[in-house]
């Protein structure tokens, strides 16, 4: 697991998420822990190292 900190695209607060390094590429939706709005998360790993991360707002 990898903890990644980023800014919520809805409320702009810094939040963190635990990312599963065993899955090379994944896209999923998770709610912000501060404002509860949905965020589309897309991540890529290579050799358990984070190579790409995007967080896009859903519903705007």
Protein backbone atom coordinates (compact mmCIF):
# COMPACT_ATOMS: atom_id res chain seq x y z
CA UNK A 1 0.00 0.00 0.00
CA UNK A 2 1.07 3.55 -0.73
CA UNK A 3 -0.31 6.65 1.01
CA UNK A 4 -0.73 9.55 -1.42
CA UNK A 5 -1.60 13.14 -0.45
CA UNK A 6 -3.39 15.44 -2.90
CA UNK A 7 -5.83 18.34 -3.09
CA UNK A 8 -9.54 17.58 -3.43
CA UNK A 9 -10.83 19.01 -6.74
CA UNK A 10 -14.10 20.02 -5.00
CA UNK A 11 -13.16 21.64 -1.66
CA UNK A 12 -9.38 22.14 -2.27
CA UNK A 13 -8.49 20.59 1.10
CA UNK A 14 -5.48 18.27 1.29
CA UNK A 15 -6.55 14.66 1.72
CA UNK A 16 -4.81 11.31 1.56
CA UNK A 17 -5.73 7.94 0.11
CA UNK A 18 -4.18 4.52 0.42
CA UNK A 19 -3.36 3.17 -3.04
CA UNK A 20 -2.90 -0.51 -3.81
CA UNK A 21 0.53 -0.91 -5.43
CA UNK A 22 -0.21 -4.50 -6.48
CA UNK A 23 -2.64 -3.31 -9.19
CA UNK A 24 -0.66 -1.74 -12.04
CA UNK A 25 -3.41 0.54 -13.38
CA UNK A 26 -6.74 1.37 -11.85
CA UNK A 27 -9.55 3.90 -12.10
CA UNK A 28 -12.24 4.19 -9.47
CA UNK A 29 -14.51 6.68 -7.70
CA UNK A 30 -14.05 7.57 -4.05
CA UNK A 31 -15.65 10.27 -1.90
CA UNK A 32 -13.57 13.08 -0.38
CA UNK A 33 -13.09 12.51 3.36
CA UNK A 34 -13.73 16.24 4.00
CA UNK A 35 -16.60 17.34 1.71
CA UNK A 36 -17.97 13.87 0.72
CA UNK A 37 -18.11 14.77 -2.99
CA UNK A 38 -17.13 12.03 -5.49
CA UNK A 39 -13.68 12.05 -7.10
CA UNK A 40 -12.56 9.92 -10.04
CA UNK A 41 -9.11 8.57 -9.18
CA UNK A 42 -6.79 7.14 -11.84
CA UNK A 43 -3.43 5.69 -10.82
CA UNK A 44 -0.57 3.80 -12.45
CA UNK A 45 2.29 1.96 -10.82
CA UNK A 46 5.47 0.48 -12.23
CA UNK A 47 7.60 -1.75 -9.98
CA UNK A 48 5.43 -0.60 -7.03
CA UNK A 49 6.34 3.05 -7.72
CA UNK A 50 3.58 5.57 -8.46
CA UNK A 51 4.05 6.81 -12.04
CA UNK A 52 0.75 8.65 -12.63
CA UNK A 53 -2.05 10.03 -10.46
CA UNK A 54 -5.09 12.11 -11.42
CA UNK A 55 -8.08 13.21 -9.37
CA UNK A 56 -11.04 14.67 -11.28
CA UNK A 57 -14.29 15.97 -9.82
CA UNK A 58 -17.49 14.07 -10.61
CA UNK A 59 -20.69 16.03 -11.11
CA UNK A 60 -19.30 19.42 -12.09
